[in-house]
N, C-alpha and C. Protein backbone atom coordinates (compact mmCIF):
# COMPACT_ATOMS: atom_id res chain seq x y z
N MET A 1 64.68 54.88 31.94
CA MET A 1 63.96 55.92 32.64
C MET A 1 63.26 55.36 33.87
N ALA A 2 62.71 54.16 33.77
CA ALA A 2 62.03 53.55 34.90
C ALA A 2 63.03 53.31 36.02
N GLN A 3 64.26 52.99 35.67
CA GLN A 3 65.27 52.75 36.67
C GLN A 3 65.63 54.06 37.38
N ASN A 4 65.71 55.13 36.67
CA ASN A 4 65.99 56.43 37.29
C ASN A 4 64.89 56.81 38.27
N LEU A 5 63.67 56.53 37.88
CA LEU A 5 62.54 56.81 38.76
C LEU A 5 62.66 55.97 40.02
N TRP A 6 62.98 54.68 39.85
CA TRP A 6 63.13 53.80 41.00
C TRP A 6 64.28 54.25 41.88
N GLU A 7 65.38 54.65 41.29
CA GLU A 7 66.52 55.14 42.06
C GLU A 7 66.15 56.39 42.86
N ARG A 8 65.38 57.28 42.22
CA ARG A 8 64.94 58.48 42.93
C ARG A 8 64.00 58.12 44.08
N ILE A 9 63.11 57.19 43.84
CA ILE A 9 62.19 56.76 44.91
C ILE A 9 63.00 56.13 46.04
N GLN A 10 63.96 55.29 45.66
CA GLN A 10 64.79 54.62 46.65
C GLN A 10 65.60 55.64 47.45
N ARG A 11 66.21 56.62 46.79
CA ARG A 11 66.97 57.67 47.48
C ARG A 11 66.07 58.47 48.39
N GLY A 12 64.86 58.76 47.93
CA GLY A 12 63.90 59.50 48.75
C GLY A 12 63.50 58.71 49.99
N MET A 13 63.29 57.40 49.78
CA MET A 13 62.93 56.55 50.92
C MET A 13 64.09 56.46 51.91
N GLU A 14 65.30 56.34 51.41
CA GLU A 14 66.48 56.27 52.28
C GLU A 14 66.66 57.58 53.04
N ALA A 15 66.47 58.69 52.35
CA ALA A 15 66.58 60.00 53.02
C ALA A 15 65.51 60.14 54.09
N GLY A 16 64.30 59.71 53.78
CA GLY A 16 63.21 59.75 54.76
C GLY A 16 63.50 58.86 55.95
N PHE A 17 64.03 57.67 55.68
CA PHE A 17 64.38 56.73 56.73
C PHE A 17 65.49 57.30 57.61
N ASP A 18 66.51 57.88 56.97
CA ASP A 18 67.61 58.50 57.72
C ASP A 18 67.09 59.65 58.59
N ALA A 19 66.20 60.45 58.03
CA ALA A 19 65.63 61.57 58.79
C ALA A 19 64.82 61.04 59.97
N ALA A 20 64.06 59.97 59.74
CA ALA A 20 63.25 59.38 60.81
C ALA A 20 64.15 58.82 61.91
N LEU A 21 65.22 58.12 61.52
CA LEU A 21 66.17 57.59 62.50
C LEU A 21 66.82 58.72 63.29
N SER A 22 67.17 59.78 62.61
CA SER A 22 67.78 60.93 63.27
C SER A 22 66.81 61.56 64.28
N ALA A 23 65.55 61.67 63.87
CA ALA A 23 64.53 62.24 64.76
C ALA A 23 64.32 61.34 65.97
N VAL A 24 64.26 60.04 65.75
CA VAL A 24 64.09 59.09 66.86
C VAL A 24 65.27 59.20 67.81
N HIS A 25 66.48 59.27 67.25
CA HIS A 25 67.68 59.40 68.07
C HIS A 25 67.62 60.68 68.91
N THR A 26 67.26 61.79 68.28
CA THR A 26 67.17 63.07 68.98
C THR A 26 66.12 63.02 70.08
N ILE A 27 64.95 62.47 69.76
CA ILE A 27 63.87 62.37 70.75
C ILE A 27 64.30 61.49 71.91
N THR A 28 64.92 60.35 71.60
CA THR A 28 65.38 59.44 72.64
C THR A 28 66.42 60.11 73.52
N GLU A 29 67.33 60.82 72.90
CA GLU A 29 68.38 61.51 73.64
C GLU A 29 67.77 62.57 74.56
N LYS A 30 66.85 63.37 74.04
CA LYS A 30 66.21 64.42 74.83
C LYS A 30 65.36 63.81 75.95
N ALA A 31 64.67 62.72 75.65
CA ALA A 31 63.87 62.05 76.68
C ALA A 31 64.78 61.54 77.80
N GLY A 32 65.90 60.99 77.41
CA GLY A 32 66.87 60.51 78.41
C GLY A 32 67.39 61.65 79.27
N GLU A 33 67.67 62.79 78.63
CA GLU A 33 68.13 63.95 79.38
C GLU A 33 67.04 64.44 80.32
N THR A 34 65.80 64.46 79.84
CA THR A 34 64.68 64.90 80.66
C THR A 34 64.48 63.96 81.84
N ILE A 35 64.56 62.67 81.60
CA ILE A 35 64.42 61.69 82.67
C ILE A 35 65.52 61.88 83.70
N GLU A 36 66.72 62.08 83.25
CA GLU A 36 67.85 62.27 84.18
C GLU A 36 67.67 63.55 84.99
N LEU A 37 67.25 64.63 84.32
CA LEU A 37 67.00 65.89 85.04
C LEU A 37 65.91 65.70 86.09
N THR A 38 64.84 65.02 85.72
CA THR A 38 63.75 64.77 86.66
C THR A 38 64.24 63.94 87.83
N ARG A 39 65.02 62.92 87.55
CA ARG A 39 65.56 62.07 88.62
C ARG A 39 66.44 62.88 89.56
N LEU A 40 67.30 63.72 89.00
CA LEU A 40 68.18 64.54 89.82
C LEU A 40 67.40 65.54 90.67
N ARG A 41 66.36 66.14 90.07
CA ARG A 41 65.54 67.10 90.83
C ARG A 41 64.80 66.41 91.97
N ARG A 42 64.28 65.21 91.70
CA ARG A 42 63.59 64.46 92.76
C ARG A 42 64.54 64.08 93.88
N GLU A 43 65.73 63.67 93.52
CA GLU A 43 66.74 63.31 94.51
C GLU A 43 67.13 64.53 95.35
N LYS A 44 67.29 65.66 94.70
CA LYS A 44 67.62 66.90 95.42
C LYS A 44 66.49 67.27 96.39
N ALA A 45 65.25 67.20 95.93
CA ALA A 45 64.10 67.52 96.78
C ALA A 45 64.02 66.56 97.97
N ARG A 46 64.30 65.27 97.73
CA ARG A 46 64.29 64.29 98.80
C ARG A 46 65.35 64.61 99.84
N LEU A 47 66.54 64.98 99.38
CA LEU A 47 67.62 65.32 100.30
C LEU A 47 67.31 66.61 101.07
N GLU A 48 66.72 67.60 100.39
CA GLU A 48 66.33 68.84 101.06
C GLU A 48 65.31 68.55 102.16
N ASN A 49 64.36 67.70 101.86
CA ASN A 49 63.34 67.31 102.83
C ASN A 49 63.97 66.59 104.02
N LYS A 50 64.89 65.68 103.74
CA LYS A 50 65.57 64.93 104.80
C LYS A 50 66.37 65.88 105.69
N ILE A 51 67.10 66.81 105.07
CA ILE A 51 67.91 67.77 105.83
C ILE A 51 67.00 68.65 106.69
N THR A 52 65.88 69.08 106.13
CA THR A 52 64.94 69.92 106.87
C THR A 52 64.44 69.17 108.11
N LYS A 53 64.09 67.90 107.95
CA LYS A 53 63.63 67.09 109.08
C LYS A 53 64.73 66.93 110.12
N GLU A 54 65.94 66.69 109.66
CA GLU A 54 67.06 66.52 110.59
C GLU A 54 67.36 67.82 111.34
N LEU A 55 67.29 68.95 110.63
CA LEU A 55 67.49 70.24 111.29
C LEU A 55 66.38 70.50 112.31
N ALA A 56 65.17 70.11 111.97
CA ALA A 56 64.05 70.26 112.92
C ALA A 56 64.31 69.41 114.16
N ASP A 57 64.81 68.19 113.97
CA ASP A 57 65.13 67.34 115.11
C ASP A 57 66.22 67.97 115.98
N VAL A 58 67.25 68.49 115.34
CA VAL A 58 68.33 69.15 116.09
C VAL A 58 67.78 70.36 116.83
N GLY A 59 66.99 71.16 116.15
CA GLY A 59 66.40 72.34 116.77
C GLY A 59 65.52 71.97 117.95
N HIS A 60 64.75 70.90 117.80
CA HIS A 60 63.88 70.45 118.89
C HIS A 60 64.72 70.01 120.09
N SER A 61 65.81 69.28 119.82
CA SER A 61 66.69 68.84 120.90
C SER A 61 67.31 70.03 121.63
N VAL A 62 67.76 71.01 120.88
CA VAL A 62 68.35 72.21 121.48
C VAL A 62 67.30 72.95 122.30
N TYR A 63 66.10 73.10 121.74
CA TYR A 63 65.01 73.78 122.43
C TYR A 63 64.69 73.08 123.75
N GLN A 64 64.56 71.74 123.70
CA GLN A 64 64.26 70.98 124.92
C GLN A 64 65.35 71.15 125.97
N LYS A 65 66.58 71.08 125.55
CA LYS A 65 67.72 71.20 126.47
C LYS A 65 67.71 72.58 127.12
N ILE A 66 67.57 73.62 126.34
CA ILE A 66 67.59 74.99 126.86
C ILE A 66 66.39 75.22 127.77
N SER A 67 65.22 74.75 127.35
CA SER A 67 63.99 74.96 128.13
C SER A 67 64.01 74.18 129.44
N ASN A 68 64.35 72.91 129.37
CA ASN A 68 64.31 72.04 130.55
C ASN A 68 65.35 72.42 131.60
N GLU A 69 66.49 72.87 131.12
CA GLU A 69 67.57 73.16 132.06
C GLU A 69 67.72 74.66 132.33
N LYS A 70 66.75 75.44 131.81
CA LYS A 70 66.74 76.90 132.03
C LYS A 70 68.11 77.50 131.70
N LEU A 71 68.58 77.20 130.52
CA LEU A 71 69.89 77.69 130.06
C LEU A 71 69.73 79.04 129.37
N ASN A 72 69.26 80.02 130.12
CA ASN A 72 68.98 81.35 129.56
C ASN A 72 70.23 82.02 129.00
N ASP A 73 71.39 81.78 129.62
CA ASP A 73 72.63 82.39 129.13
C ASP A 73 72.97 81.88 127.73
N ILE A 74 72.74 80.59 127.49
CA ILE A 74 73.00 80.03 126.15
C ILE A 74 72.00 80.59 125.15
N ALA A 75 70.72 80.69 125.56
CA ALA A 75 69.71 81.25 124.66
C ALA A 75 70.07 82.68 124.30
N LYS A 76 70.53 83.42 125.30
CA LYS A 76 70.92 84.82 125.04
C LYS A 76 72.12 84.86 124.09
N GLU A 77 73.09 84.00 124.35
CA GLU A 77 74.29 83.94 123.52
C GLU A 77 73.95 83.59 122.07
N LEU A 78 72.98 82.72 121.90
CA LEU A 78 72.56 82.31 120.56
C LEU A 78 71.59 83.31 119.92
N GLY A 79 71.11 84.26 120.72
CA GLY A 79 70.18 85.26 120.20
C GLY A 79 68.79 84.70 119.92
N ILE A 80 68.39 83.71 120.74
CA ILE A 80 67.09 83.08 120.49
C ILE A 80 66.13 83.22 121.67
N GLU A 81 66.41 84.12 122.57
CA GLU A 81 65.55 84.31 123.75
C GLU A 81 64.11 84.62 123.34
N GLU A 82 63.94 85.57 122.44
CA GLU A 82 62.59 85.98 122.03
C GLU A 82 61.86 84.84 121.33
N LYS A 83 62.58 84.10 120.51
CA LYS A 83 61.95 82.96 119.82
C LYS A 83 61.49 81.92 120.84
N LEU A 84 62.29 81.69 121.87
CA LEU A 84 61.91 80.71 122.90
C LEU A 84 60.66 81.17 123.64
N LYS A 85 60.58 82.46 123.93
CA LYS A 85 59.39 83.01 124.58
C LYS A 85 58.17 82.85 123.69
N GLU A 86 58.36 83.12 122.41
CA GLU A 86 57.27 82.97 121.44
C GLU A 86 56.78 81.52 121.38
N ILE A 87 57.73 80.59 121.34
CA ILE A 87 57.38 79.17 121.29
C ILE A 87 56.62 78.77 122.55
N THR A 88 57.07 79.26 123.70
CA THR A 88 56.39 78.94 124.96
C THR A 88 54.95 79.44 124.94
N LYS A 89 54.75 80.67 124.46
CA LYS A 89 53.39 81.22 124.37
C LYS A 89 52.53 80.39 123.41
N GLU A 90 53.11 79.99 122.28
CA GLU A 90 52.37 79.20 121.29
C GLU A 90 52.03 77.82 121.84
N GLU A 91 52.94 77.23 122.61
CA GLU A 91 52.64 75.94 123.24
C GLU A 91 51.48 76.07 124.22
N GLU A 92 51.48 77.16 125.00
CA GLU A 92 50.39 77.40 125.94
C GLU A 92 49.07 77.56 125.18
N ARG A 93 49.11 78.26 124.06
CA ARG A 93 47.91 78.45 123.24
C ARG A 93 47.42 77.11 122.69
N MET A 94 48.35 76.25 122.29
CA MET A 94 47.98 74.92 121.79
C MET A 94 47.28 74.11 122.87
N VAL A 95 47.74 74.21 124.11
CA VAL A 95 47.11 73.50 125.21
C VAL A 95 45.67 73.99 125.37
N GLU A 96 45.49 75.32 125.30
CA GLU A 96 44.14 75.90 125.39
C GLU A 96 43.25 75.38 124.25
N ILE A 97 43.79 75.35 123.06
CA ILE A 97 43.02 74.88 121.90
C ILE A 97 42.66 73.40 122.06
N ASP A 98 43.61 72.60 122.55
CA ASP A 98 43.33 71.18 122.77
C ASP A 98 42.17 71.00 123.75
N LYS A 99 42.14 71.81 124.81
CA LYS A 99 41.04 71.75 125.78
C LYS A 99 39.72 72.10 125.12
N ARG A 100 39.72 73.14 124.29
CA ARG A 100 38.49 73.53 123.60
C ARG A 100 38.04 72.45 122.62
N ILE A 101 38.99 71.85 121.93
CA ILE A 101 38.66 70.77 121.00
C ILE A 101 37.99 69.62 121.76
N THR A 102 38.55 69.26 122.90
CA THR A 102 37.98 68.19 123.71
C THR A 102 36.56 68.54 124.14
N THR A 103 36.37 69.77 124.60
CA THR A 103 35.06 70.23 125.03
C THR A 103 34.07 70.18 123.87
N GLU A 104 34.46 70.71 122.73
CA GLU A 104 33.59 70.72 121.54
C GLU A 104 33.27 69.30 121.09
N GLN A 105 34.29 68.43 121.09
CA GLN A 105 34.08 67.05 120.66
C GLN A 105 33.12 66.33 121.60
N ASP A 106 33.27 66.58 122.89
CA ASP A 106 32.35 65.98 123.87
C ASP A 106 30.92 66.43 123.60
N SER A 107 30.76 67.70 123.28
CA SER A 107 29.44 68.25 123.00
C SER A 107 28.83 67.59 121.75
N VAL A 108 29.63 67.47 120.73
CA VAL A 108 29.17 66.83 119.49
C VAL A 108 28.81 65.37 119.75
N ASP A 109 29.65 64.68 120.51
CA ASP A 109 29.39 63.27 120.82
C ASP A 109 28.08 63.11 121.59
N LYS A 110 27.83 63.99 122.55
CA LYS A 110 26.59 63.92 123.33
C LYS A 110 25.38 64.12 122.43
N LYS A 111 25.46 65.11 121.53
CA LYS A 111 24.35 65.36 120.62
C LYS A 111 24.10 64.15 119.72
N GLN A 112 25.16 63.53 119.25
CA GLN A 112 25.02 62.34 118.39
C GLN A 112 24.39 61.19 119.15
N ASN A 113 24.79 61.04 120.41
CA ASN A 113 24.23 59.96 121.23
C ASN A 113 22.74 60.17 121.46
N VAL A 114 22.34 61.44 121.69
CA VAL A 114 20.93 61.74 121.90
C VAL A 114 20.14 61.46 120.62
N ASN A 115 20.68 61.86 119.50
CA ASN A 115 20.02 61.63 118.20
C ASN A 115 19.92 60.15 117.86
N GLU A 116 20.92 59.39 118.24
CA GLU A 116 20.91 57.95 117.95
C GLU A 116 19.88 57.22 118.79
N LYS A 117 19.63 57.71 120.00
CA LYS A 117 18.67 57.07 120.89
C LYS A 117 17.24 57.31 120.44
N LYS A 118 17.02 58.35 119.67
CA LYS A 118 15.66 58.69 119.21
C LYS A 118 15.18 57.76 118.18
């Protein structure tokens, strides 16, 4: 009878060990899949970012060429005349803002200099 009890304990331990090994295998497999999915998603995001930057560079080159050489016929053909006008207005606005920033910064600097001298 003691041997039967030991055999049952041994079978129970083996079953528990097998279940634990199976769980570890499943967890490891799922972790590996998750790691691979994460790696692939990061790689895809990196490539999307790179392509976006390259497209921006191409767009900037096209914009400069059309603007500098007054290629209005090409802009019209591409259907981007309005966008070019919009960009020109926004660039002019940026110049105005830069001037205001400089003026404001000068004012702040002067106030700081006065306060430091006190």
